[in-house]
Amino acid sequence: MYTIATLHEMHRHLQLAPDDNSADQDLLRSLQEASHYLESATQRRFCPRFATVRIEYDPVEPGEIVLPDDLLELQAILDQSGEIDARRIRRLPQEADQPASVLQIHGGIEGAATIRGIWGWHDRWKNSWRDSGERLFFQLQATHTTLTVADADGKDASGASPRFQVGQLLRIGSEYLRIIDIDSAGRRLTMLRGVNGAPASAHPSRLGIDIYAPPPAVVDLCLRYAELLMRPGSFVDEEAPELLRLRRLRL
């Protein structure tokens, strides 16, 4: 499962009753299709992912790396001489809250570059993770796919509710997880482990659980597209202006 908006947000968008789950599978299918369409049409990814990317050496501009995707966080750059000192690296644009599209390396690089980091697009990356208000009761093993929480339907630390929703991307430690089912009465979340390039791993008890909040404008587009996908006929022309504003320019 890969969704930008959540099932609860789709219910609210369509003004469905909270307990009306008769069409949930169709709604989730439309959300997934809309998410993939948005990312394909804009050539951007709106959920963060860990990845290592190799970029071939450019003898014309040895000190500048044009990135093939939006880079939210740089973890390391290596060339044939080893890891490059972070003090030699300048990201453009320089705003920490915006993804980088170009990296400038003082002194240049030797050979092809290997870039390790978190990739994706967000206009407020530093505020993109919310505290769920929950902590792990017990140690979470790498093989566990369910998680018991104190209150699945309560408010998160920012006051949003329900705090957990099907389709959400969670972060525990450095691992990303995706919620695929919620048993509110049993206070149990069913999750996909190790998604978006972050391998599943064991986590100690009392570790916090964070919730990813995609850009609100992108969530709104995803919901509108998902709704249109449930109708017969074409829908592309209705949303084209919004897509063009989000489209990544390839250099």
C-alpha atoms as a PDB file:
ATOM      1  CA  MET A   1       0.000   0.000   0.000  1.00  0.00           C
ATOM      2  CA  TYR A   2       1.203   3.506  -0.852  1.00  0.00           C
ATOM      3  CA  THR A   3      -1.082   6.485  -0.237  1.00  0.00           C
ATOM      4  CA  ILE A   4      -0.527  10.200   0.243  1.00  0.00           C
ATOM      5  CA  ALA A   5      -3.912  10.845   1.870  1.00  0.00           C
ATOM      6  CA  THR A   6      -5.463   8.512   4.459  1.00  0.00           C
ATOM      7  CA  LEU A   7      -8.685   6.534   4.489  1.00  0.00           C
ATOM      8  CA  HIS A   8     -10.088   8.729   7.282  1.00  0.00           C
ATOM      9  CA  GLU A   9      -9.350  11.858   5.236  1.00  0.00           C
ATOM     10  CA  MET A  10     -11.179  10.299   2.286  1.00  0.00           C
ATOM     11  CA  HIS A  11     -14.194   9.539   4.497  1.00  0.00           C
ATOM     12  CA  ARG A  12     -14.244  13.137   5.664  1.00  0.00           C
ATOM     13  CA  HIS A  13     -13.773  14.469   2.123  1.00  0.00           C
ATOM     14  CA  LEU A  14     -16.785  12.466   0.899  1.00  0.00           C
ATOM     15  CA  GLN A  15     -18.757  13.270   4.071  1.00  0.00           C
ATOM     16  CA  LEU A  16     -19.252   9.596   4.883  1.00  0.00           C
ATOM     17  CA  ALA A  17     -20.354   8.437   8.306  1.00  0.00           C
ATOM     18  CA  PRO A  18     -17.379   7.342  10.476  1.00  0.00           C
ATOM     19  CA  ASP A  19     -18.759   3.802  10.759  1.00  0.00           C
ATOM     20  CA  ASP A  20     -19.606   3.467   7.036  1.00  0.00           C
ATOM     21  CA  ASN A  21     -16.856   1.125   5.861  1.00  0.00           C
ATOM     22  CA  SER A  22     -18.830  -0.589   3.087  1.00  0.00           C
ATOM     23  CA  ALA A  23     -16.702   0.972   0.331  1.00  0.00           C
ATOM     24  CA  ASP A  24     -13.348   1.128   2.130  1.00  0.00           C
ATOM     25  CA  GLN A  25     -11.539  -1.217  -0.254  1.00  0.00           C
ATOM     26  CA  ASP A  26     -12.677   0.819  -3.254  1.00  0.00           C
ATOM     27  CA  LEU A  27     -11.690   4.044  -1.488  1.00  0.00           C
ATOM     28  CA  LEU A  28      -8.222   2.709  -0.697  1.00  0.00           C
ATOM     29  CA  ARG A  29      -7.776   1.539  -4.273  1.00  0.00           C
ATOM     30  CA  SER A  30      -8.697   4.999  -5.559  1.00  0.00           C
ATOM     31  CA  LEU A  31      -6.347   6.660  -3.049  1.00  0.00           C
ATOM     32  CA  GLN A  32      -3.467   4.473  -4.183  1.00  0.00           C
ATOM     33  CA  GLU A  33      -4.183   5.123  -7.861  1.00  0.00           C
ATOM     34  CA  ALA A  34      -4.463   8.862  -7.221  1.00  0.00           C
ATOM     35  CA  SER A  35      -1.184   8.873  -5.269  1.00  0.00           C
ATOM     36  CA  HIS A  36       0.677   7.095  -8.051  1.00  0.00           C
ATOM     37  CA  TYR A  37      -0.873   9.339 -10.693  1.00  0.00           C
ATOM     38  CA  LEU A  38       0.095  12.534  -8.836  1.00  0.00           C
ATOM     39  CA  GLU A  39       3.691  11.416  -8.478  1.00  0.00           C
ATOM     40  CA  SER A  40       3.907  10.274 -12.087  1.00  0.00           C
ATOM     41  CA  ALA A  41       2.386  13.482 -13.457  1.00  0.00           C
ATOM     42  CA  THR A  42       4.515  15.821 -11.311  1.00  0.00           C
ATOM     43  CA  GLN A  43       7.683  13.689 -11.400  1.00  0.00           C
ATOM     44  CA  ARG A  44       7.960  14.128  -7.642  1.00  0.00           C
ATOM     45  CA  ARG A  45       7.553  11.851  -4.628  1.00  0.00           C
ATOM     46  CA  PHE A  46       5.526  13.205  -1.748  1.00  0.00           C
ATOM     47  CA  CYS A  47       6.356  10.584   0.878  1.00  0.00           C
ATOM     48  CA  PRO A  48       9.984  10.476   2.078  1.00  0.00           C
ATOM     49  CA  ARG A  49      12.136   7.497   1.245  1.00  0.00           C
ATOM     50  CA  PHE A  50      15.661   6.372   2.064  1.00  0.00           C
ATOM     51  CA  ALA A  51      17.791   5.681  -0.994  1.00  0.00           C
ATOM     52  CA  THR A  52      21.369   5.593  -2.236  1.00  0.00           C
ATOM     53  CA  VAL A  53      21.852   7.135  -5.680  1.00  0.00           C
ATOM     54  CA  ARG A  54      24.909   6.938  -7.917  1.00  0.00           C
ATOM     55  CA  ILE A  55      25.633   9.916 -10.174  1.00  0.00           C
ATOM     56  CA  GLU A  56      28.248   9.711 -12.901  1.00  0.00           C
ATOM     57  CA  TYR A  57      31.188  12.086 -12.941  1.00  0.00           C
ATOM     58  CA  ASP A  58      30.770  15.250 -15.025  1.00  0.00           C
ATOM     59  CA  PRO A  59      34.184  16.591 -16.119  1.00  0.00           C
ATOM     60  CA  VAL A  60      32.586  19.868 -17.251  1.00  0.00           C
ATOM     61  CA  GLU A  61      31.203  20.636 -13.768  1.00  0.00           C
ATOM     62  CA  PRO A  62      33.207  18.485 -11.310  1.00  0.00           C
ATOM     63  CA  GLY A  63      32.163  20.651  -8.381  1.00  0.00           C
ATOM     64  CA  GLU A  64      28.419  20.605  -9.020  1.00  0.00           C
ATOM     65  CA  ILE A  65      25.985  17.694  -8.816  1.00  0.00           C
ATOM     66  CA  VAL A  66      22.549  18.135 -10.373  1.00  0.00           C
ATOM     67  CA  LEU A  67      20.307  15.775  -8.433  1.00  0.00           C
ATOM     68  CA  PRO A  68      17.898  13.450 -10.266  1.00  0.00           C
ATOM     69  CA  ASP A  69      15.286  13.845  -7.524  1.00  0.00           C
ATOM     70  CA  ASP A  70      14.376  16.134  -4.607  1.00  0.00           C
ATOM     71  CA  LEU A  71      16.748  15.604  -1.657  1.00  0.00           C
ATOM     72  CA  LEU A  72      15.237  16.310   1.771  1.00  0.00           C
ATOM     73  CA  GLU A  73      18.160  15.216   3.943  1.00  0.00           C
ATOM     74  CA  LEU A  74      21.728  14.482   2.931  1.00  0.00           C
ATOM     75  CA  GLN A  75      23.329  11.713   4.963  1.00  0.00           C
ATOM     76  CA  ALA A  76      26.582  11.205   3.060  1.00  0.00           C
ATOM     77  CA  ILE A  77      28.355  11.675  -0.275  1.00  0.00           C
ATOM     78  CA  LEU A  78      31.151   9.372  -1.340  1.00  0.00           C
ATOM     79  CA  ASP A  79      33.452   9.497  -4.342  1.00  0.00           C
ATOM     80  CA  GLN A  80      36.357   7.239  -5.271  1.00  0.00           C
ATOM     81  CA  SER A  81      38.491   8.773  -2.502  1.00  0.00           C
ATOM     82  CA  GLY A  82      35.920   8.052   0.230  1.00  0.00           C
ATOM     83  CA  GLU A  83      33.335  10.086   2.157  1.00  0.00           C
ATOM     84  CA  ILE A  84      33.328  13.808   1.423  1.00  0.00           C
ATOM     85  CA  ASP A  85      33.623  16.170   4.399  1.00  0.00           C
ATOM     86  CA  ALA A  86      30.253  17.831   5.048  1.00  0.00           C
ATOM     87  CA  ARG A  87      31.991  21.215   5.343  1.00  0.00           C
ATOM     88  CA  ARG A  88      32.805  21.037   1.631  1.00  0.00           C
ATOM     89  CA  ILE A  89      29.160  20.571   0.638  1.00  0.00           C
ATOM     90  CA  ARG A  90      26.712  23.344  -0.155  1.00  0.00           C
ATOM     91  CA  ARG A  91      23.109  22.512  -0.995  1.00  0.00           C
ATOM     92  CA  LEU A  92      20.928  24.607  -3.302  1.00  0.00           C
ATOM     93  CA  PRO A  93      18.537  26.024  -2.479  1.00  0.00           C
ATOM     94  CA  GLN A  94      20.103  26.613   0.936  1.00  0.00           C
ATOM     95  CA  GLU A  95      16.849  26.654   2.940  1.00  0.00           C
ATOM     96  CA  ALA A  96      16.862  23.676   5.322  1.00  0.00           C
ATOM     97  CA  ASP A  97      13.071  23.375   5.004  1.00  0.00           C
ATOM     98  CA  GLN A  98      13.177  22.936   1.225  1.00  0.00           C
ATOM     99  CA  PRO A  99      14.492  19.958  -0.773  1.00  0.00           C
ATOM    100  CA  ALA A 100      17.814  20.398  -2.528  1.00  0.00           C
ATOM    101  CA  SER A 101      18.101  20.105  -6.302  1.00  0.00           C
ATOM    102  CA  VAL A 102      21.828  20.833  -6.636  1.00  0.00           C
ATOM    103  CA  LEU A 103      24.869  20.060  -4.467  1.00  0.00           C
ATOM    104  CA  GLN A 104      28.049  22.097  -4.815  1.00  0.00           C
ATOM    105  CA  ILE A 105      31.274  20.412  -3.677  1.00  0.00           C
ATOM    106  CA  HIS A 106      34.197  22.703  -2.833  1.00  0.00           C
ATOM    107  CA  GLY A 107      37.240  21.275  -4.566  1.00  0.00           C
ATOM    108  CA  GLY A 108      35.123  19.021  -6.782  1.00  0.00           C
ATOM    109  CA  ILE A 109      34.718  15.252  -6.664  1.00  0.00           C
ATOM    110  CA  GLU A 110      36.866  12.392  -7.867  1.00  0.00           C
ATOM    111  CA  GLY A 111      34.924  10.064 -10.119  1.00  0.00           C
ATOM    112  CA  ALA A 112      31.279   9.103  -9.753  1.00  0.00           C
ATOM    113  CA  ALA A 113      29.399  10.225  -6.626  1.00  0.00           C
ATOM    114  CA  THR A 114      27.292   8.013  -4.390  1.00  0.00           C
ATOM    115  CA  ILE A 115      24.677   9.993  -2.462  1.00  0.00           C
ATOM    116  CA  ARG A 116      22.895   8.545   0.552  1.00  0.00           C
ATOM    117  CA  GLY A 117      19.925  10.395   1.988  1.00  0.00           C
ATOM    118  CA  ILE A 118      16.187  10.911   2.390  1.00  0.00           C
ATOM    119  CA  TRP A 119      14.510  11.826  -0.884  1.00  0.00           C
ATOM    120  CA  GLY A 120      11.121  13.391  -1.593  1.00  0.00           C
ATOM    121  CA  TRP A 121       9.328  16.721  -1.813  1.00  0.00           C
ATOM    122  CA  HIS A 122       7.884  18.741   1.058  1.00  0.00           C
ATOM    123  CA  ASP A 123       7.489  22.484   1.508  1.00  0.00           C
ATOM    124  CA  ARG A 124       7.819  22.290   5.332  1.00  0.00           C
ATOM    125  CA  TRP A 125      10.098  19.304   5.867  1.00  0.00           C
ATOM    126  CA  LYS A 126      11.276  20.314   9.352  1.00  0.00           C
ATOM    127  CA  ASN A 127       7.665  20.219  10.562  1.00  0.00           C
ATOM    128  CA  SER A 128       6.525  17.213   8.551  1.00  0.00           C
ATOM    129  CA  TRP A 129       6.550  14.703  11.445  1.00  0.00           C
ATOM    130  CA  ARG A 130       3.993  14.954  14.262  1.00  0.00           C
ATOM    131  CA  ASP A 131       4.279  13.358  17.677  1.00  0.00           C
ATOM    132  CA  SER A 132       1.487  10.777  17.957  1.00  0.00           C
ATOM    133  CA  GLY A 133       1.480  11.042  21.742  1.00  0.00           C
ATOM    134  CA  GLU A 134       2.104   7.275  21.906  1.00  0.00           C
ATOM    135  CA  ARG A 135       5.135   5.265  23.009  1.00  0.00           C
ATOM    136  CA  LEU A 136       5.993   1.615  22.488  1.00  0.00           C
ATOM    137  CA  PHE A 137       4.661  -0.488  25.380  1.00  0.00           C
ATOM    138  CA  PHE A 138       7.111  -3.296  24.717  1.00  0.00           C
ATOM    139  CA  GLN A 139      10.134  -3.934  22.552  1.00  0.00           C
ATOM    140  CA  LEU A 140       9.090  -4.130  18.905  1.00  0.00           C
ATOM    141  CA  GLN A 141      10.859  -6.890  17.009  1.00  0.00           C
ATOM    142  CA  ALA A 142      11.717  -6.543  13.325  1.00  0.00           C
ATOM    143  CA  THR A 143       9.273  -9.347  12.465  1.00  0.00           C
ATOM    144  CA  HIS A 144       6.269  -7.897  14.326  1.00  0.00           C
ATOM    145  CA  THR A 145       3.482  -6.605  12.077  1.00  0.00           C
ATOM    146  CA  THR A 146       1.004  -5.549  14.792  1.00  0.00           C
ATOM    147  CA  LEU A 147       1.355  -2.964  17.519  1.00  0.00           C
ATOM    148  CA  THR A 148      -0.835  -2.372  20.575  1.00  0.00           C
ATOM    149  CA  VAL A 149      -1.308   1.279  21.549  1.00  0.00           C
ATOM    150  CA  ALA A 150      -2.979   3.075  24.448  1.00  0.00           C
ATOM    151  CA  ASP A 151      -5.643   4.743  22.291  1.00  0.00           C
ATOM    152  CA  ALA A 152      -5.867   4.337  18.520  1.00  0.00           C
ATOM    153  CA  ASP A 153      -8.611   6.963  18.172  1.00  0.00           C
ATOM    154  CA  GLY A 154      -7.313   9.649  20.549  1.00  0.00           C
ATOM    155  CA  LYS A 155      -5.702  12.965  19.661  1.00  0.00           C
ATOM    156  CA  ASP A 156      -2.068  13.282  18.713  1.00  0.00           C
ATOM    157  CA  ALA A 157       0.253  15.825  20.342  1.00  0.00           C
ATOM    158  CA  SER A 158      -0.973  18.545  17.948  1.00  0.00           C
ATOM    159  CA  GLY A 159      -4.647  17.878  18.762  1.00  0.00           C
ATOM    160  CA  ALA A 160      -5.531  16.076  15.526  1.00  0.00           C
ATOM    161  CA  SER A 161      -7.757  13.015  15.763  1.00  0.00           C
ATOM    162  CA  PRO A 162      -7.938  10.173  15.237  1.00  0.00           C
ATOM    163  CA  ARG A 163      -4.207  10.001  15.816  1.00  0.00           C
ATOM    164  CA  PHE A 164      -3.815   6.791  13.812  1.00  0.00           C
ATOM    165  CA  GLN A 165      -5.385   6.319  10.362  1.00  0.00           C
ATOM    166  CA  VAL A 166      -5.185   3.638   7.684  1.00  0.00           C
ATOM    167  CA  GLY A 167      -2.671   4.726   5.062  1.00  0.00           C
ATOM    168  CA  GLN A 168      -0.491   6.771   7.401  1.00  0.00           C
ATOM    169  CA  LEU A 169       3.278   6.632   7.252  1.00  0.00           C
ATOM    170  CA  LEU A 170       4.805   6.210  10.721  1.00  0.00           C
ATOM    171  CA  ARG A 171       8.353   6.622  11.969  1.00  0.00           C
ATOM    172  CA  ILE A 172       9.801   4.641  14.862  1.00  0.00           C
ATOM    173  CA  GLY A 173      13.484   5.327  15.346  1.00  0.00           C
ATOM    174  CA  SER A 174      14.820   5.472  11.793  1.00  0.00           C
ATOM    175  CA  GLU A 175      12.312   2.945  10.417  1.00  0.00           C
ATOM    176  CA  TYR A 176       9.279   3.860   8.322  1.00  0.00           C
ATOM    177  CA  LEU A 177       6.062   1.841   8.685  1.00  0.00           C
ATOM    178  CA  ARG A 178       2.674   2.019   6.922  1.00  0.00           C
ATOM    179  CA  ILE A 179      -0.667   1.412   8.702  1.00  0.00           C
ATOM    180  CA  ILE A 180      -2.861  -0.992   6.723  1.00  0.00           C
ATOM    181  CA  ASP A 181      -5.531  -1.810   9.328  1.00  0.00           C
ATOM    182  CA  ILE A 182      -6.747  -0.538  12.698  1.00  0.00           C
ATOM    183  CA  ASP A 183      -8.669  -2.444  15.366  1.00  0.00           C
ATOM    184  CA  SER A 184      -9.869   0.450  17.513  1.00  0.00           C
ATOM    185  CA  ALA A 185     -11.600  -1.737  20.106  1.00  0.00           C
ATOM    186  CA  GLY A 186      -8.506  -3.910  20.483  1.00  0.00           C
ATOM    187  CA  ARG A 187      -6.190  -0.867  20.252  1.00  0.00           C
ATOM    188  CA  ARG A 188      -4.142  -2.676  17.632  1.00  0.00           C
ATOM    189  CA  LEU A 189      -2.433  -1.382  14.499  1.00  0.00           C
ATOM    190  CA  THR A 190      -1.489  -3.676  11.619  1.00  0.00           C
ATOM    191  CA  MET A 191       1.487  -2.351   9.695  1.00  0.00           C
ATOM    192  CA  LEU A 192       3.791  -2.877   6.762  1.00  0.00           C
ATOM    193  CA  ARG A 193       7.328  -2.855   8.147  1.00  0.00           C
ATOM    194  CA  GLY A 194      10.433  -1.357   6.627  1.00  0.00           C
ATOM    195  CA  VAL A 195       8.762   0.671   3.872  1.00  0.00           C
ATOM    196  CA  ASN A 196      10.198   3.454   1.697  1.00  0.00           C
ATOM    197  CA  GLY A 197      13.722   2.102   1.823  1.00  0.00           C
ATOM    198  CA  ALA A 198      14.041   1.996   5.621  1.00  0.00           C
ATOM    199  CA  PRO A 199      14.711  -1.611   6.715  1.00  0.00           C
ATOM    200  CA  ALA A 200      12.643  -3.172   9.496  1.00  0.00           C
ATOM    201  CA  SER A 201      14.544  -3.292  12.781  1.00  0.00           C
ATOM    202  CA  ALA A 202      14.003  -3.929  16.490  1.00  0.00           C
ATOM    203  CA  HIS A 203      13.048  -0.971  18.704  1.00  0.00           C
ATOM    204  CA  PRO A 204      13.205  -0.647  22.503  1.00  0.00           C
ATOM    205  CA  SER A 205      10.147   0.034  24.652  1.00  0.00           C
ATOM    206  CA  ARG A 206       9.179   3.662  25.381  1.00  0.00           C
ATOM    207  CA  LEU A 207      10.383   4.816  21.964  1.00  0.00           C
ATOM    208  CA  GLY A 208       8.123   7.474  20.440  1.00  0.00           C
ATOM    209  CA  ILE A 209       5.900   7.001  17.388  1.00  0.00           C
ATOM    210  CA  ASP A 210       5.825   9.837  14.847  1.00  0.00           C
ATOM    211  CA  ILE A 211       3.252  10.438  12.104  1.00  0.00           C
ATOM    212  CA  TYR A 212       4.136  11.850   8.696  1.00  0.00           C
ATOM    213  CA  ALA A 213       2.098  14.851   7.542  1.00  0.00           C
ATOM    214  CA  PRO A 214       2.364  15.366   3.753  1.00  0.00           C
ATOM    215  CA  PRO A 215       1.967  18.892   2.332  1.00  0.00           C
ATOM    216  CA  PRO A 216      -1.719  19.865   2.842  1.00  0.00           C
ATOM    217  CA  ALA A 217      -2.123  21.034  -0.765  1.00  0.00           C
ATOM    218  CA  VAL A 218      -0.889  17.661  -2.029  1.00  0.00           C
ATOM    219  CA  VAL A 219      -3.240  15.786   0.322  1.00  0.00           C
ATOM    220  CA  ASP A 220      -6.126  17.878  -1.003  1.00  0.00           C
ATOM    221  CA  LEU A 221      -5.174  17.087  -4.601  1.00  0.00           C
ATOM    222  CA  CYS A 222      -4.915  13.385  -3.800  1.00  0.00           C
ATOM    223  CA  LEU A 223      -8.400  13.368  -2.264  1.00  0.00           C
ATOM    224  CA  ARG A 224      -9.911  15.211  -5.216  1.00  0.00           C
ATOM    225  CA  TYR A 225      -8.241  12.874  -7.703  1.00  0.00           C
ATOM    226  CA  ALA A 226      -9.330   9.807  -5.774  1.00  0.00           C
ATOM    227  CA  GLU A 227     -12.921  11.070  -5.819  1.00  0.00           C
ATOM    228  CA  LEU A 228     -12.743  11.729  -9.562  1.00  0.00           C
ATOM    229  CA  LEU A 229     -11.313   8.258 -10.157  1.00  0.00           C
ATOM    230  CA  MET A 230     -14.494   6.799  -8.722  1.00  0.00           C
ATOM    231  CA  ARG A 231     -16.525   8.563 -11.409  1.00  0.00           C
ATOM    232  CA  PRO A 232     -16.792   7.417 -15.039  1.00  0.00           C
ATOM    233  CA  GLY A 233     -14.930   9.359 -17.711  1.00  0.00           C
ATOM    234  CA  SER A 234     -11.702  11.353 -17.872  1.00  0.00           C
ATOM    235  CA  PHE A 235     -10.646  13.700 -15.095  1.00  0.00           C
ATOM    236  CA  VAL A 236      -7.176  14.910 -16.059  1.00  0.00           C
ATOM    237  CA  ASP A 237      -8.210  18.295 -17.475  1.00  0.00           C
ATOM    238  CA  GLU A 238     -10.026  19.299 -14.282  1.00  0.00           C
ATOM    239  CA  GLU A 239      -6.834  19.306 -12.194  1.00  0.00           C
ATOM    240  CA  ALA A 240      -4.117  20.096 -14.747  1.00  0.00           C
ATOM    241  CA  PRO A 241      -3.210  23.609 -13.421  1.00  0.00           C
ATOM    242  CA  GLU A 242      -2.471  22.309  -9.911  1.00  0.00           C
ATOM    243  CA  LEU A 243      -0.319  19.513 -11.315  1.00  0.00           C
ATOM    244  CA  LEU A 244       1.717  21.895 -13.452  1.00  0.00           C
ATOM    245  CA  ARG A 245       2.548  24.023 -10.408  1.00  0.00           C
ATOM    246  CA  LEU A 246       3.894  20.960  -8.596  1.00  0.00           C
ATOM    247  CA  ARG A 247       5.745  19.459 -11.559  1.00  0.00           C
ATOM    248  CA  ARG A 248       9.492  18.985 -11.144  1.00  0.00           C
ATOM    249  CA  LEU A 249      11.622  20.564 -13.850  1.00  0.00           C
ATOM    250  CA  ARG A 250      14.259  18.196 -15.208  1.00  0.00           C
ATOM    251  CA  LEU A 251      17.541  19.936 -16.004  1.00  0.00           C
END
